[in-house]
Protein backbone atom coordinates (compact mmCIF):
# COMPACT_ATOMS: atom_id res chain seq x y z
CA MET A 1 90.96 111.73 150.94
CA THR A 2 91.49 115.48 151.48
CA THR A 3 89.08 116.89 154.08
CA ILE A 4 88.54 120.18 155.90
CA ASN A 5 86.02 120.98 158.60
CA ASP A 6 82.54 122.28 157.80
CA ALA A 7 83.26 125.85 158.91
CA LEU A 8 86.29 126.12 156.63
CA THR A 9 84.40 124.46 153.79
CA VAL A 10 81.82 127.27 154.00
CA LYS A 11 84.61 129.87 153.84
CA VAL A 12 86.23 128.14 150.86
CA GLU A 13 82.92 128.06 149.00
CA ALA A 14 82.44 131.77 149.71
CA VAL A 15 85.86 132.53 148.23
CA LYS A 16 85.13 130.39 145.18
CA GLN A 17 81.89 132.32 144.61
CA LEU A 18 83.69 135.63 145.04
CA LEU A 19 86.34 134.61 142.51
CA ALA A 20 83.60 133.63 140.08
CA ASP A 21 81.92 137.00 140.56
CA ILE A 22 85.21 138.82 140.01
CA THR A 23 85.88 137.01 136.74
CA THR A 24 82.37 137.88 135.57
CA GLU A 25 82.34 141.53 136.60
CA TYR A 26 85.99 142.53 136.04
CA GLU A 27 87.61 141.63 132.76
CA LEU A 28 91.15 142.32 133.99
CA ALA A 29 91.73 141.14 137.58
CA THR A 30 95.01 140.15 139.19
CA LEU A 31 96.35 138.70 142.44
CA ALA A 32 99.28 140.47 144.09
CA SER A 33 101.28 137.59 145.55
CA SER A 34 104.16 137.85 147.99
CA TYR A 35 104.23 134.03 148.20
CA GLY A 36 103.21 134.13 151.85
CA ALA A 37 100.78 131.56 153.23
CA GLU A 38 97.61 133.51 152.44
CA ASP A 39 98.71 134.31 148.90
CA MET A 40 99.49 130.65 148.27
CA VAL A 41 95.96 129.71 149.37
CA LEU A 42 94.56 132.24 146.90
CA MET A 43 96.90 131.09 144.14
CA ASP A 44 95.71 127.52 144.69
CA LEU A 45 92.05 128.54 144.54
CA ILE A 46 92.59 130.77 141.50
CA CYS A 47 94.45 128.07 139.59
CA LYS A 48 91.70 125.54 140.36
CA PHE A 49 88.56 127.65 139.99
CA ALA A 50 89.33 131.03 138.39
CA PRO A 51 92.31 130.69 136.03
CA GLU A 52 91.26 133.87 134.20
CA ILE A 53 92.57 135.90 137.15
CA GLU A 54 96.20 136.86 136.61
CA VAL A 55 98.95 136.66 139.23
CA PHE A 56 101.96 138.90 139.71
CA THR A 57 104.70 139.40 142.30
CA LEU A 58 107.10 142.17 143.23
CA ASP A 59 110.78 141.25 143.37
CA THR A 60 112.28 143.98 145.55
CA GLY A 61 115.82 142.72 145.10
CA ARG A 62 116.10 141.85 148.80
CA LEU A 63 113.82 138.85 149.15
CA PRO A 64 114.84 135.86 151.29
CA LYS A 65 116.16 132.73 149.58
CA GLU A 66 113.14 130.81 150.84
CA THR A 67 110.81 133.14 148.93
CA TYR A 68 112.61 132.41 145.68
CA ASP A 69 112.45 128.71 146.55
CA VAL A 70 108.65 128.73 146.86
CA MET A 71 108.37 130.86 143.70
CA GLN A 72 110.20 128.11 141.82
CA GLU A 73 108.19 125.37 143.53
CA ALA A 74 104.90 127.08 142.68
CA LYS A 75 105.97 127.49 139.07
CA ALA A 76 106.47 123.74 138.83
CA HIS A 77 103.31 122.93 140.81
CA TYR A 78 100.83 125.17 138.97
CA ASP A 79 100.28 125.74 135.27
CA LYS A 80 100.21 129.49 135.84
CA ASP A 81 102.45 132.28 134.61
CA VAL A 82 103.32 134.80 137.32
CA THR A 83 104.55 138.18 136.08
CA VAL A 84 107.50 139.56 138.06
CA TYR A 85 107.96 143.30 138.52
CA PHE A 86 111.26 144.87 139.61
CA PRO A 87 112.13 148.34 140.94
CA ASP A 88 113.45 150.99 138.58
CA ALA A 89 117.19 150.32 138.53
CA THR A 90 118.29 153.95 138.21
CA GLU A 91 116.07 155.15 141.05
CA LEU A 92 117.22 152.32 143.28
CA GLU A 93 120.87 152.95 142.48
CA THR A 94 120.47 156.62 143.45
CA PHE A 95 118.71 155.81 146.72
CA VAL A 96 121.27 153.22 147.83
CA THR A 97 124.18 155.42 146.78
CA ASP A 98 122.83 158.49 148.61
CA LYS A 99 121.28 156.88 151.68
CA GLY A 100 123.07 153.54 152.02
CA PRO A 101 121.86 149.94 151.60
CA ASN A 102 120.27 149.75 155.08
CA ALA A 103 118.93 153.31 155.39
CA PHE A 104 115.46 151.95 156.16
CA TYR A 105 116.59 151.24 159.73
CA ASP A 106 117.32 154.93 160.36
CA SER A 107 113.79 156.37 160.18
CA VAL A 108 110.22 155.59 159.18
CA GLU A 109 110.55 158.17 156.41
CA LEU A 110 113.58 156.46 154.85
CA ARG A 111 111.96 153.04 155.26
CA LYS A 112 108.90 154.26 153.42
CA GLN A 113 111.09 155.76 150.70
CA CYS A 114 112.73 152.37 150.27
CA CYS A 115 109.34 150.63 150.16
CA GLY A 116 108.13 153.24 147.69
CA ILE A 117 110.93 152.47 145.26
CA ARG A 118 111.00 148.71 145.74
CA LYS A 119 107.26 148.05 146.11
CA VAL A 120 104.79 150.87 145.55
CA LYS A 121 106.02 152.13 142.19
CA PRO A 122 106.38 148.60 140.74
CA LEU A 123 102.87 147.88 142.05
CA LYS A 124 101.53 150.87 140.13
CA ARG A 125 103.02 149.43 136.95
CA ALA A 126 101.57 146.01 137.75
CA LEU A 127 98.08 147.41 138.26
CA ALA A 128 98.08 149.72 135.24
CA GLY A 129 95.10 148.85 133.04
CA LYS A 130 93.62 146.38 135.53
CA LYS A 131 90.03 146.65 136.77
CA ALA A 132 90.47 144.80 140.07
CA TRP A 133 93.20 143.40 142.28
CA LEU A 134 93.21 140.76 144.98
CA THR A 135 95.26 140.50 148.16
CA GLY A 136 95.74 137.89 150.86
CA MET A 137 95.18 140.33 153.72
CA ARG A 138 93.18 139.27 156.78
CA ARG A 139 91.63 141.34 159.57
CA SER A 140 93.41 139.46 162.34
CA GLN A 141 96.88 140.12 160.93
CA ALA A 142 97.44 143.57 162.42
CA VAL A 143 95.83 146.61 164.04
CA THR A 144 96.10 148.41 160.69
CA ARG A 145 93.81 145.76 159.14
CA SER A 146 91.18 145.27 161.86
CA GLU A 147 88.36 146.78 159.78
CA LEU A 148 89.43 145.36 156.42
CA PRO A 149 86.46 144.85 154.07
CA VAL A 150 86.17 142.04 151.55
CA SER A 151 85.71 144.59 148.77
CA GLU A 152 86.51 148.30 148.54
CA TYR A 153 87.37 150.86 145.91
CA ASP A 154 91.09 151.60 146.05
CA GLU A 155 91.31 155.32 145.40
CA GLY A 156 95.11 155.27 145.44
CA PHE A 157 95.35 152.89 142.49
CA GLY A 158 91.97 153.57 140.90
CA LEU A 159 90.42 150.10 140.85
CA GLN A 160 88.41 147.67 142.95
CA LYS A 161 90.32 145.81 145.65
CA PHE A 162 89.34 142.43 147.06
CA SER A 163 90.60 140.61 150.15
CA PRO A 164 88.85 137.23 149.88
CA LEU A 165 90.39 135.81 153.07
CA THR A 166 89.55 138.78 155.28
CA ASP A 167 87.58 136.69 157.81
CA TRP A 168 89.88 133.65 157.74
CA SER A 169 91.90 132.82 160.84
CA ASN A 170 95.54 131.81 160.78
CA GLY A 171 94.35 128.30 161.58
CA ASP A 172 92.05 128.33 158.55
CA VAL A 173 94.95 129.27 156.27
CA TRP A 174 97.17 126.46 157.50
CA ALA A 175 94.38 123.89 157.56
CA TYR A 176 93.79 124.62 153.86
CA ILE A 177 97.51 124.47 153.01
CA LYS A 178 97.94 121.13 154.76
CA ALA A 179 94.71 119.62 153.41
CA PHE A 180 95.51 120.42 149.78
CA ASP A 181 99.33 120.14 149.83
CA VAL A 182 99.78 123.77 148.83
CA PRO A 183 103.41 124.89 148.38
CA TYR A 184 104.44 127.37 151.06
CA ASN A 185 107.40 129.48 152.14
CA LYS A 186 109.56 127.41 154.50
CA LEU A 187 110.35 130.51 156.55
CA HIS A 188 106.94 129.88 158.10
CA ASP A 189 108.43 126.73 159.67
CA GLN A 190 110.99 128.95 161.39
CA GLY A 191 108.39 131.11 163.12
CA VAL A 192 108.20 133.83 160.48
CA ALA A 193 104.52 134.68 160.15
CA SER A 194 104.64 137.65 157.76
CA ILE A 195 107.35 137.60 155.09
CA GLY A 196 108.71 140.61 153.25
CA CYS A 197 112.25 141.71 152.43
CA ALA A 198 114.94 139.74 154.26
CA PRO A 199 116.35 142.60 156.36
CA CYS A 200 112.86 143.73 157.40
CA THR A 201 111.54 140.31 158.46
CA ARG A 202 112.11 138.25 161.61
CA ALA A 203 110.44 135.37 163.43
CA ILE A 204 107.81 136.14 166.06
CA THR A 205 107.54 134.77 169.58
CA ALA A 206 104.53 133.36 171.41
CA GLY A 207 101.86 135.98 171.99
CA GLU A 208 103.19 138.48 169.45
CA ASP A 209 101.04 140.00 166.72
CA ILE A 210 101.28 138.04 163.48
CA ARG A 211 102.98 141.02 161.82
CA ALA A 212 105.26 141.82 164.75
CA GLY A 213 108.17 140.47 162.75
CA ARG A 214 107.79 143.10 160.03
CA TRP A 215 109.70 146.38 160.66
CA TRP A 216 109.84 145.33 164.31
CA TRP A 217 111.73 148.50 165.27
CA GLU A 218 108.69 150.67 164.40
CA ASN A 219 105.40 151.33 166.17
CA PRO A 220 102.58 148.98 165.05
CA GLU A 221 100.51 151.88 163.67
CA SER A 222 103.16 152.72 161.04
CA LYS A 223 103.86 149.20 159.87
CA GLU A 224 102.50 149.26 156.32
CA CYS A 225 104.68 149.67 153.24
CA GLY A 226 102.33 151.81 151.18
CA LEU A 227 100.69 149.03 149.19
CA HIS A 228 97.64 148.89 151.45
CA VAL A 229 96.97 152.40 152.74
CA LYS A 230 94.50 155.04 151.65
CA ALA A 231 95.44 157.38 148.83
CA SER A 232 96.07 160.29 151.20
CA LYS A 233 98.77 158.26 152.94
CA ILE A 234 100.65 156.95 149.92
C-alpha cells in the first residue's frame, strides 16, 4: 500500500484543495511544466484530482535527452495532452547566426537574450488567453525564491500565478514521487537538481544550492531566465 507521512499528507491535501479552488475560480488555468521533479508531482496531482487544468511545456531546442525521455514516459503514463511550444524559428536563426550557438556563456545579457527567445516569448504565447498559471517553484530552491508566495498576480503576464509546492521541501517532493511511482527525469539520479537546457545545466555537489547547477558561471542573484521575475525585470 502506498503511504506517506502525516506531515506530507497534510501538504498534499492542501495542494488538492488549492487545485480545486483554481478550477472553480479560474476557467482557463494551466501548468507550465519543465518535467523536473516538482512539475511531475503537480502533473500527477492535476491528472488525478484536477484534470480541467491544462499542461504545457516549452521545447527550447536544446533540452537534454533525458527530458525528452520523461516527456514520452509521462505521455504513456497519464491520459493528458501536453501542448508543446517552440521558439520562433526566424528569430532563433538570426540570434544563433549573429551571436553564435553558445553566446549565452559570454555575458548575462546574451544569456538572457537567448532565454528570451527560447523561453519567455514562447511562454507569452502559451499563457495568452489564460486566467491563471501554475509552477513547481519552491522557496528553498534559490535565494531568488526565498519569499515566494503561494498565489500572486503576475503583472508581467497579466494573470494569477500559483506555486502550490512553495512550502514543500526537496524531501517532500521525492517522498511523493517514490510513494506514487511518478515518472521523473533520470538526470536527477545523476545529481542534477534543477534541469533546464543541456548546456546550461550541470550536477551539483554536496552542500550546494539546489539551483547551483543552473547557469553556474553567473552570480546567484541573476540566475533566473525571465519566466519568474517581476514585470520591470523582464
